[in-house]
Amino acid sequence: MALNTTEYALGHRCVWSTCNVTGYPSIYREYKVDCCTLSVPLNYARPNRSITISMSRLSPLQSTSQNNTLFILMGGPGASGWNLFQSAALLIPAQLGLTIILPDHRGTGLSTVLGCDDNDSQTITTGCITYLISKWDIEGLNQFSITAAAHDLSVQIQVYQADHPGRISIYAVSYGTFWLDRFLQIYPTLIPSAIMDGVINPILASVSRYDLLASNVGLQFLAYCQLQPECHSYFPTDQPPYVMLYRILADLNKTDETETKENGPGFLNSKVLYLNIIQSERWLAPNESEIDKETVLAWHRSTLMAPNNSEQTISFRAQWPKYPLDQYYAKVASYSPLLMLSGQLDPATTFPLASQLASITSKTRTFYGIPLAGHVTVNIAKVGFYCPLHLMLAWAFPNNFSSEWSDPQSSYDELLIQIEKLEKSNYFSLDIFD
């Protein structure tokens, strides 16, 4: 990379202003909401063309004596930071005194959107591919990559810190953990701590196998349910849960009519950016061979439940102009201190793959598996179990939160108490079977 992002950041300061986004207020849950858009090179190696990258900020209305900022990286790929707007403000109350930054990955949100026409349509067709090549050319389209987004993040952090000195930590979820790992490979000294939640394994994760892995987690949950009287009582006694669920899903498929919805303009999610990154470096894990459409569809038909996102991906697999893999591909950052959280019932970024990553990074990373948690473990704070949220916050800002928050034994004790409460409150009741 020819461009020095530190020098670039110092020459491009943020002008924070009203976001002007429909449906998102300028004040929310005691946070003031504003946005900053920066111009950055499309290609950091040849900075002759530019795009914009955006980030939104949630600042506590009540000022604090400390300046602590948490950058939260959204998943996807293709999803913008705006998907986290409500959850971030709910899970991290303004009273904690943290400023929250939600960056938009290049290609989505208020950043330059990667779309299929001049209106940023997200309807994927062969015509969309033709449009992308015509607008960006192959070299330009190649820049909508994970590595380029890592450079963008370094600019955003350094621009922000130039005007707001203080502690900055990064919390990443799902695909955001992949983005964060790439960032930490290239920029290992910019931040003092980082957290991954819903961890993608850069070495073994393969989107082409997503349906198989997700369905397996569904079976694990049903096996757990069989052992819980409150849950199992809602299942027919004459058939195992997985047989019953197969039949219910089959009936739903017969009666469900596909509803045609207008595709959004890429503000919350860019399908084009998703495909560009997935096709280029996430569809296959290293050393995996190409698979045909018949195999992908057969895998999906064999699953208990799965989203079937792979059908569209494989349909455009041969036609999509994939960007070349770089020196960071299938590598793992050696950065420390890094906390990894993984739900043991996570269908999207499965616990076995996260555990394998933890086993080879144990010298630089701390890893906690959260029982009964699904994808992105802090979400279970919404039902009263705060362990993952407390672990994350205490890791990010150790001087601001109780030492008990970073104690896994204390958190485990809390888990047992919460599970007992949930069982007594019939939380596991499945009303669909009433």
Protein backbone atom coordinates (compact mmCIF):
# COMPACT_ATOMS: atom_id res chain seq x y z
CA MET A 1 0.00 0.00 0.00
CA ALA A 2 1.52 3.30 -1.13
CA LEU A 3 -0.60 5.66 0.98
CA ASN A 4 0.27 6.38 4.61
CA THR A 5 -3.10 6.31 6.37
CA THR A 6 -1.79 8.20 9.41
CA GLU A 7 -0.70 11.15 7.28
CA TYR A 8 -3.93 10.95 5.32
CA ALA A 9 -6.05 10.94 8.48
CA LEU A 10 -4.30 14.00 9.90
CA GLY A 11 -5.15 15.88 6.73
CA HIS A 12 -8.83 14.94 6.69
CA ARG A 13 -10.76 15.90 9.81
CA CYS A 14 -14.33 14.98 10.65
CA VAL A 15 -17.14 17.49 10.37
CA TRP A 16 -19.91 16.03 12.52
CA SER A 17 -23.42 16.96 11.45
CA THR A 18 -27.02 15.75 11.51
CA CYS A 19 -27.33 12.38 9.81
CA ASN A 20 -30.64 13.17 8.04
CA VAL A 21 -31.63 9.52 7.91
CA THR A 22 -35.34 8.73 7.75
CA GLY A 23 -36.58 6.84 10.79
CA TYR A 24 -33.53 7.50 12.95
CA PRO A 25 -33.82 10.36 15.47
CA SER A 26 -31.09 12.86 16.32
CA ILE A 27 -31.57 12.05 20.03
CA TYR A 28 -32.17 8.47 21.15
CA ARG A 29 -32.09 6.91 24.63
CA GLU A 30 -30.12 9.83 26.10
CA TYR A 31 -27.65 9.78 23.21
CA LYS A 32 -27.06 12.54 20.71
CA VAL A 33 -26.74 11.10 17.20
CA ASP A 34 -24.60 12.63 14.47
CA CYS A 35 -22.56 11.54 11.46
CA CYS A 36 -19.25 12.12 9.73
CA THR A 37 -18.46 11.35 6.10
CA LEU A 38 -14.86 11.17 4.88
CA SER A 39 -13.38 11.03 1.41
CA VAL A 40 -10.88 8.17 1.03
CA PRO A 41 -9.05 6.62 -1.91
CA LEU A 42 -10.92 3.96 -3.81
CA ASN A 43 -7.56 2.22 -4.18
CA TYR A 44 -5.03 2.92 -1.42
CA ALA A 45 -2.20 1.77 -3.68
CA ARG A 46 -3.25 4.18 -6.45
CA PRO A 47 -5.15 7.06 -4.83
CA ASN A 48 -6.41 8.70 -8.02
CA ARG A 49 -10.12 7.99 -7.44
CA SER A 50 -12.11 8.50 -4.25
CA ILE A 51 -15.20 7.23 -2.49
CA THR A 52 -16.84 8.22 0.79
CA ILE A 53 -16.97 6.30 4.05
CA SER A 54 -19.34 7.23 6.86
CA MET A 55 -19.66 6.64 10.57
CA SER A 56 -22.46 7.50 12.97
CA ARG A 57 -21.81 8.55 16.56
CA LEU A 58 -23.89 8.11 19.70
CA SER A 59 -22.63 10.56 22.34
CA PRO A 60 -24.09 10.62 25.88
CA LEU A 61 -26.10 13.79 26.42
CA GLN A 62 -24.62 14.09 29.89
CA SER A 63 -20.92 14.89 29.67
CA THR A 64 -18.36 12.72 31.46
CA SER A 65 -14.86 13.37 32.73
CA GLN A 66 -13.44 10.46 30.73
CA ASN A 67 -13.25 10.08 26.97
CA ASN A 68 -13.90 6.42 26.17
CA THR A 69 -15.07 5.40 22.73
CA LEU A 70 -16.26 2.03 21.48
CA PHE A 71 -16.19 1.34 17.74
CA ILE A 72 -18.67 -1.43 16.90
CA LEU A 73 -18.18 -3.31 13.63
CA MET A 74 -21.31 -4.78 12.07
CA GLY A 75 -21.58 -8.18 10.42
CA GLY A 76 -22.58 -9.14 6.92
CA PRO A 77 -20.67 -8.63 4.77
CA GLY A 78 -22.86 -5.93 3.31
CA ALA A 79 -24.68 -4.78 6.45
CA SER A 80 -24.22 -1.18 7.58
CA GLY A 81 -23.61 0.09 11.08
CA TRP A 82 -27.19 1.36 11.19
CA ASN A 83 -28.38 -2.20 11.82
CA LEU A 84 -26.82 -1.87 15.29
CA PHE A 85 -28.28 1.55 16.11
CA GLN A 86 -31.09 0.47 18.44
CA SER A 87 -29.35 -2.54 19.99
CA ALA A 88 -26.19 -0.59 20.79
CA ALA A 89 -28.13 2.15 22.58
CA LEU A 90 -30.24 -0.41 24.44
CA LEU A 91 -27.42 -2.70 25.58
CA ILE A 92 -24.96 0.08 26.41
CA PRO A 93 -26.95 2.73 28.32
CA ALA A 94 -25.79 6.32 27.93
CA GLN A 95 -25.34 6.45 31.71
CA LEU A 96 -22.21 4.31 31.33
CA GLY A 97 -20.55 7.33 29.73
CA LEU A 98 -19.24 5.64 26.58
CA THR A 99 -19.32 7.16 23.12
CA ILE A 100 -20.36 4.63 20.46
CA ILE A 101 -19.15 4.80 16.86
CA LEU A 102 -20.88 2.72 14.17
CA PRO A 103 -18.77 2.71 10.99
CA ASP A 104 -20.36 1.93 7.64
CA HIS A 105 -18.23 -0.51 5.64
CA ARG A 106 -17.33 0.83 2.20
CA GLY A 107 -20.14 -0.20 -0.14
CA THR A 108 -23.07 0.14 2.26
CA GLY A 109 -24.96 2.52 4.57
CA LEU A 110 -24.08 6.20 4.17
CA SER A 111 -20.74 5.21 2.64
CA THR A 112 -20.53 4.96 -1.14
CA VAL A 113 -23.02 2.17 -1.86
CA LEU A 114 -22.21 -0.70 -4.17
CA GLY A 115 -25.37 -1.13 -6.22
CA CYS A 116 -26.69 -2.53 -9.49
CA ASP A 117 -27.70 0.75 -11.11
CA ASP A 118 -27.59 4.50 -10.60
CA ASN A 119 -30.28 4.15 -7.90
CA ASP A 120 -28.19 1.55 -6.00
CA SER A 121 -30.65 -1.26 -6.67
CA GLN A 122 -29.73 -4.54 -5.01
CA THR A 123 -31.42 -6.83 -7.55
CA ILE A 124 -28.67 -9.23 -8.59
CA THR A 125 -28.74 -10.13 -12.30
CA THR A 126 -26.21 -10.55 -15.09
CA GLY A 127 -27.08 -6.96 -15.98
CA CYS A 128 -25.97 -5.91 -12.50
CA ILE A 129 -22.54 -7.45 -13.10
CA THR A 130 -22.29 -5.61 -16.42
CA TYR A 131 -23.20 -2.34 -14.70
CA LEU A 132 -20.63 -2.83 -11.94
CA ILE A 133 -17.83 -3.45 -14.42
CA SER A 134 -18.90 -0.47 -16.51
CA LYS A 135 -19.07 1.90 -13.54
CA TRP A 136 -16.05 0.79 -11.54
CA ASP A 137 -13.99 -1.32 -13.98
CA ILE A 138 -12.48 -4.53 -12.66
CA GLU A 139 -9.70 -2.83 -10.71
CA GLY A 140 -12.14 -0.45 -9.05
CA LEU A 141 -14.59 -3.20 -8.13
CA ASN A 142 -11.69 -5.13 -6.61
CA GLN A 143 -11.30 -2.37 -4.02
CA PHE A 144 -14.58 -3.22 -2.30
CA SER A 145 -12.70 -5.74 -0.20
CA ILE A 146 -11.99 -6.64 3.42
CA THR A 147 -8.45 -5.29 3.25
CA ALA A 148 -9.59 -1.95 1.82
CA ALA A 149 -12.22 -1.71 4.58
CA ALA A 150 -9.46 -2.34 7.14
CA HIS A 151 -7.56 0.66 5.76
CA ASP A 152 -10.78 2.70 5.93
CA LEU A 153 -11.21 1.78 9.59
CA SER A 154 -7.67 2.92 10.38
CA VAL A 155 -8.45 6.29 8.80
CA GLN A 156 -11.72 6.62 10.74
CA ILE A 157 -10.07 5.76 14.06
CA GLN A 158 -7.13 8.11 13.55
CA VAL A 159 -9.32 10.95 12.31
CA TYR A 160 -11.54 10.55 15.36
CA GLN A 161 -8.67 10.30 17.82
CA ALA A 162 -7.01 13.42 16.45
CA ASP A 163 -9.92 15.47 17.78
CA HIS A 164 -10.98 13.21 20.66
CA PRO A 165 -7.94 11.83 22.47
CA GLY A 166 -8.80 9.03 24.86
CA ARG A 167 -9.19 5.28 24.99
CA ILE A 168 -10.65 3.61 21.89
CA SER A 169 -11.61 -0.05 21.79
CA ILE A 170 -13.25 -2.11 19.06
CA TYR A 171 -16.10 -4.58 19.51
CA ALA A 172 -16.89 -6.63 16.40
CA VAL A 173 -19.76 -9.01 15.67
CA SER A 174 -20.05 -11.80 13.09
CA TYR A 175 -18.41 -10.74 9.79
CA GLY A 176 -17.16 -7.73 11.72
CA THR A 177 -14.77 -10.12 13.51
CA PHE A 178 -13.25 -11.00 10.14
CA TRP A 179 -12.97 -7.29 9.32
CA LEU A 180 -11.39 -6.67 12.73
CA ASP A 181 -8.88 -9.51 12.32
CA ARG A 182 -7.76 -8.07 8.98
CA PHE A 183 -7.45 -4.62 10.56
CA LEU A 184 -5.36 -6.00 13.44
CA GLN A 185 -3.04 -7.80 11.03
CA ILE A 186 -2.26 -4.52 9.28
CA TYR A 187 -2.59 -2.05 12.18
CA PRO A 188 -1.65 -3.90 15.40
CA THR A 189 -0.74 -0.79 17.43
CA LEU A 190 -3.66 1.61 16.91
CA ILE A 191 -5.93 0.40 19.73
CA PRO A 192 -5.30 -0.96 23.27
CA SER A 193 -7.95 -3.71 23.27
CA ALA A 194 -10.44 -5.51 21.04
CA ILE A 195 -13.32 -7.97 21.33
CA MET A 196 -14.78 -10.45 18.84
CA ASP A 197 -18.30 -11.83 19.34
CA GLY A 198 -19.67 -14.47 16.98
CA VAL A 199 -16.17 -15.31 15.79
CA ILE A 200 -15.41 -16.20 12.18
CA ASN A 201 -12.47 -18.56 11.78
CA PRO A 202 -10.36 -17.06 8.92
CA ILE A 203 -8.73 -20.41 8.25
CA LEU A 204 -11.63 -22.89 8.30
CA ALA A 205 -14.85 -20.90 7.79
CA SER A 206 -16.60 -21.58 4.49
CA VAL A 207 -19.84 -19.89 3.44
CA SER A 208 -20.53 -22.71 0.97
CA ARG A 209 -20.99 -25.05 3.96
CA TYR A 210 -23.10 -22.60 5.97
CA ASP A 211 -26.40 -24.48 5.65
CA LEU A 212 -24.90 -27.74 6.89
CA LEU A 213 -23.29 -26.17 9.94
CA ALA A 214 -26.37 -24.08 10.81
CA SER A 215 -28.67 -27.08 10.60
CA ASN A 216 -26.40 -29.06 12.90
CA VAL A 217 -26.82 -26.38 15.58
CA GLY A 218 -30.59 -26.69 15.20
CA LEU A 219 -30.28 -30.38 15.99
CA GLN A 220 -28.13 -29.57 19.03
CA PHE A 221 -30.83 -27.24 20.35
CA LEU A 222 -33.53 -29.87 19.86
CA ALA A 223 -31.38 -32.42 21.69
CA TYR A 224 -31.05 -29.95 24.57
CA CYS A 225 -34.79 -29.32 24.50
CA GLN A 226 -35.51 -33.02 24.91
CA LEU A 227 -33.76 -32.91 28.30
CA GLN A 228 -35.77 -29.93 29.58
CA PRO A 229 -39.30 -30.79 30.81
CA GLU A 230 -40.64 -27.28 30.18
CA CYS A 231 -39.45 -27.38 26.58
CA HIS A 232 -40.08 -31.03 25.80
CA SER A 233 -43.67 -30.93 27.05
CA TYR A 234 -44.67 -28.91 23.99
CA PHE A 235 -43.49 -31.58 21.56
CA PRO A 236 -45.62 -34.57 20.46
CA THR A 237 -44.89 -37.70 22.46
CA ASP A 238 -45.04 -40.03 19.46
CA GLN A 239 -42.17 -38.53 17.47
CA PRO A 240 -38.73 -37.04 18.15
CA PRO A 241 -38.50 -33.24 17.94
CA TYR A 242 -36.47 -33.25 14.75
CA VAL A 243 -39.06 -35.43 12.95
CA MET A 244 -41.90 -33.23 14.15
CA LEU A 245 -40.05 -30.08 13.08
CA TYR A 246 -39.35 -31.49 9.61
CA ARG A 247 -43.09 -31.99 9.14
CA ILE A 248 -44.01 -28.53 10.42
CA LEU A 249 -41.49 -26.89 8.12
CA ALA A 250 -42.72 -28.96 5.18
CA ASP A 251 -46.30 -27.79 5.84
CA LEU A 252 -45.16 -24.19 6.10
CA ASN A 253 -43.35 -24.49 2.78
CA LYS A 254 -46.55 -25.74 1.13
CA THR A 255 -48.67 -22.87 2.41
CA ASP A 256 -46.15 -20.04 2.31
CA GLU A 257 -46.42 -17.79 -0.71
CA THR A 258 -43.29 -15.95 -1.66
CA GLU A 259 -43.83 -12.24 -1.21
CA THR A 260 -42.06 -9.95 -3.63
CA LYS A 261 -40.55 -7.02 -1.81
CA GLU A 262 -38.91 -3.94 -3.18
CA ASN A 263 -35.18 -4.16 -2.64
CA GLY A 264 -33.71 -1.39 -0.53
CA PRO A 265 -31.01 0.93 -1.85
CA GLY A 266 -28.22 -0.62 0.21
CA PHE A 267 -28.63 1.61 3.23
CA LEU A 268 -29.08 -1.24 5.70
CA ASN A 269 -27.65 -3.97 3.53
CA SER A 270 -25.85 -4.20 0.20
CA LYS A 271 -26.34 -7.59 -1.44
CA VAL A 272 -23.82 -6.54 -4.05
CA LEU A 273 -21.10 -5.92 -1.47
CA TYR A 274 -22.02 -9.22 0.17
CA LEU A 275 -21.52 -11.14 -3.06
CA ASN A 276 -18.34 -9.29 -3.97
CA ILE A 277 -16.65 -10.32 -0.71
CA ILE A 278 -18.20 -13.78 -0.41
CA GLN A 279 -17.39 -14.75 -4.00
CA SER A 280 -13.84 -13.45 -3.70
CA GLU A 281 -12.61 -14.83 -0.38
CA ARG A 282 -15.34 -16.33 1.81
CA TRP A 283 -17.17 -18.89 -0.35
CA LEU A 284 -14.47 -21.53 0.03
CA ALA A 285 -12.02 -22.10 2.84
CA PRO A 286 -8.37 -22.59 1.85
CA ASN A 287 -7.80 -25.94 0.11
CA GLU A 288 -11.52 -26.50 -0.52
CA SER A 289 -12.46 -27.41 -4.09
CA GLU A 290 -15.19 -25.73 -6.13
CA ILE A 291 -18.62 -27.32 -5.87
CA ASP A 292 -21.49 -27.27 -8.36
CA LYS A 293 -25.01 -25.95 -7.92
CA GLU A 294 -26.51 -29.43 -7.67
CA THR A 295 -24.30 -30.17 -4.66
CA VAL A 296 -25.22 -26.90 -2.95
CA LEU A 297 -28.95 -27.54 -3.44
CA ALA A 298 -28.61 -31.14 -2.26
CA TRP A 299 -26.86 -29.95 0.88
CA HIS A 300 -29.66 -27.47 1.54
CA ARG A 301 -32.38 -30.09 1.02
CA SER A 302 -30.65 -32.33 3.55
CA THR A 303 -30.80 -29.74 6.32
CA LEU A 304 -33.31 -29.40 9.11
CA MET A 305 -33.46 -25.62 8.79
CA ALA A 306 -31.19 -23.23 6.91
CA PRO A 307 -31.56 -19.88 5.11
CA ASN A 308 -30.62 -21.10 1.58
CA ASN A 309 -28.49 -18.02 0.87
CA SER A 310 -26.07 -20.18 -1.07
CA GLU A 311 -28.34 -20.73 -4.07
CA GLN A 312 -27.99 -17.17 -5.35
CA THR A 313 -24.27 -17.17 -4.61
CA ILE A 314 -23.59 -20.34 -6.59
CA SER A 315 -25.83 -19.13 -9.43
CA PHE A 316 -23.46 -16.22 -10.11
CA ARG A 317 -20.28 -17.97 -9.02
CA ALA A 318 -18.71 -18.31 -12.48
CA GLN A 319 -19.75 -14.86 -13.72
CA TRP A 320 -18.78 -12.75 -10.73
CA PRO A 321 -15.50 -10.79 -11.16
CA LYS A 322 -13.64 -11.88 -8.03
CA TYR A 323 -10.88 -9.74 -6.54
CA PRO A 324 -7.43 -11.34 -6.10
CA LEU A 325 -6.46 -12.72 -2.71
CA ASP A 326 -3.73 -10.81 -0.87
CA GLN A 327 -1.09 -11.64 1.73
CA TYR A 328 -3.59 -11.34 4.59
CA TYR A 329 -5.92 -14.06 3.32
CA ALA A 330 -6.34 -17.04 5.67
CA LYS A 331 -3.97 -15.46 8.17
CA VAL A 332 -4.71 -14.70 11.82
CA ALA A 333 -3.68 -11.53 13.65
CA SER A 334 -1.21 -12.03 16.49
CA TYR A 335 -2.56 -8.91 18.23
CA SER A 336 -3.06 -8.94 21.99
CA PRO A 337 -5.06 -8.31 24.18
CA LEU A 338 -8.00 -9.79 22.29
CA LEU A 339 -11.15 -11.30 23.78
CA MET A 340 -13.24 -13.81 21.82
CA LEU A 341 -16.83 -14.73 22.76
CA SER A 342 -18.75 -17.58 21.14
CA GLY A 343 -22.24 -18.90 21.77
CA GLN A 344 -22.33 -22.66 22.06
CA LEU A 345 -25.57 -22.67 20.03
CA ASP A 346 -24.42 -20.22 17.37
CA PRO A 347 -25.72 -21.32 13.93
CA ALA A 348 -23.91 -18.62 11.95
CA THR A 349 -20.36 -18.71 13.33
CA THR A 350 -20.31 -22.10 14.95
CA PHE A 351 -18.71 -22.89 18.29
CA PRO A 352 -16.47 -25.74 17.02
CA LEU A 353 -14.80 -23.45 14.47
CA ALA A 354 -14.41 -20.68 17.06
CA SER A 355 -12.93 -23.20 19.49
CA GLN A 356 -10.39 -24.34 16.90
CA LEU A 357 -9.33 -20.74 16.35
CA ALA A 358 -9.05 -20.28 20.11
CA SER A 359 -6.82 -23.35 20.39
CA ILE A 360 -4.22 -21.96 17.98
CA THR A 361 -4.32 -18.40 19.37
CA SER A 362 -4.35 -19.15 23.10
CA LYS A 363 -1.09 -17.26 23.67
CA THR A 364 -2.56 -13.96 22.44
CA ARG A 365 -6.33 -14.34 22.89
CA THR A 366 -8.74 -15.06 25.72
CA PHE A 367 -11.73 -17.21 24.76
CA TYR A 368 -15.07 -17.75 26.50
CA GLY A 369 -17.79 -20.10 25.28
CA ILE A 370 -21.25 -19.03 26.45
CA PRO A 371 -23.70 -21.90 27.14
CA LEU A 372 -27.14 -21.69 25.47
CA ALA A 373 -26.19 -18.49 23.64
CA GLY A 374 -26.73 -18.11 19.91
CA HIS A 375 -25.16 -15.72 17.45
CA VAL A 376 -23.63 -12.59 19.03
CA THR A 377 -23.65 -13.44 22.71
CA VAL A 378 -24.26 -9.97 24.19
CA ASN A 379 -27.81 -10.14 22.85
CA ILE A 380 -28.83 -12.42 25.71
CA ALA A 381 -28.60 -9.38 27.97
CA LYS A 382 -32.06 -8.61 26.59
CA VAL A 383 -33.41 -11.54 28.65
CA GLY A 384 -31.47 -10.66 31.78
CA PHE A 385 -28.17 -12.52 31.34
CA TYR A 386 -25.46 -9.86 31.31
CA CYS A 387 -22.34 -12.03 31.46
CA PRO A 388 -21.12 -11.56 27.84
CA LEU A 389 -21.95 -7.85 27.88
CA HIS A 390 -20.07 -7.35 31.15
CA LEU A 391 -17.08 -9.34 29.92
CA MET A 392 -16.96 -7.24 26.76
CA LEU A 393 -17.22 -3.86 28.50
CA ALA A 394 -14.71 -4.74 31.22
CA TRP A 395 -12.25 -5.93 28.57
CA ALA A 396 -12.68 -2.79 26.51
CA PHE A 397 -12.48 -0.34 29.43
CA PRO A 398 -10.97 -2.13 32.46
CA ASN A 399 -10.63 1.05 34.53
CA ASN A 400 -14.30 1.91 34.22
CA PHE A 401 -16.07 -1.24 35.33
CA SER A 402 -16.06 -3.56 38.33
CA SER A 403 -13.45 -6.32 38.39
CA GLU A 404 -16.34 -8.75 38.92
CA TRP A 405 -17.46 -8.00 35.38
CA SER A 406 -14.28 -9.55 34.03
CA ASP A 407 -14.45 -12.60 36.31
CA PRO A 408 -15.71 -15.64 34.37
CA GLN A 409 -16.57 -17.57 37.57
CA SER A 410 -18.82 -14.75 38.72
CA SER A 411 -20.38 -14.70 35.28
CA TYR A 412 -20.89 -18.49 35.31
CA ASP A 413 -22.69 -18.29 38.66
CA GLU A 414 -24.95 -15.63 37.16
CA LEU A 415 -25.66 -17.91 34.21
CA LEU A 416 -26.87 -20.73 36.47
CA ILE A 417 -29.17 -18.35 38.34
CA GLN A 418 -30.62 -16.94 35.12
CA ILE A 419 -31.21 -20.38 33.58
CA GLU A 420 -33.14 -21.41 36.71
CA LYS A 421 -35.23 -18.23 36.50
CA LEU A 422 -35.96 -18.78 32.81
CA GLU A 423 -37.02 -22.38 33.37
CA LYS A 424 -39.37 -21.37 36.20
CA SER A 425 -40.89 -18.61 34.06
CA ASN A 426 -41.61 -20.99 31.16
CA TYR A 427 -39.20 -19.02 28.98
CA PHE A 428 -38.61 -22.20 26.97
CA SER A 429 -42.31 -22.62 26.19
CA LEU A 430 -42.94 -23.01 22.48
CA ASP A 431 -46.38 -21.50 22.00
CA ILE A 432 -46.47 -22.52 18.34
CA PHE A 433 -47.43 -26.02 19.52
CA ASP A 434 -50.32 -24.96 21.76
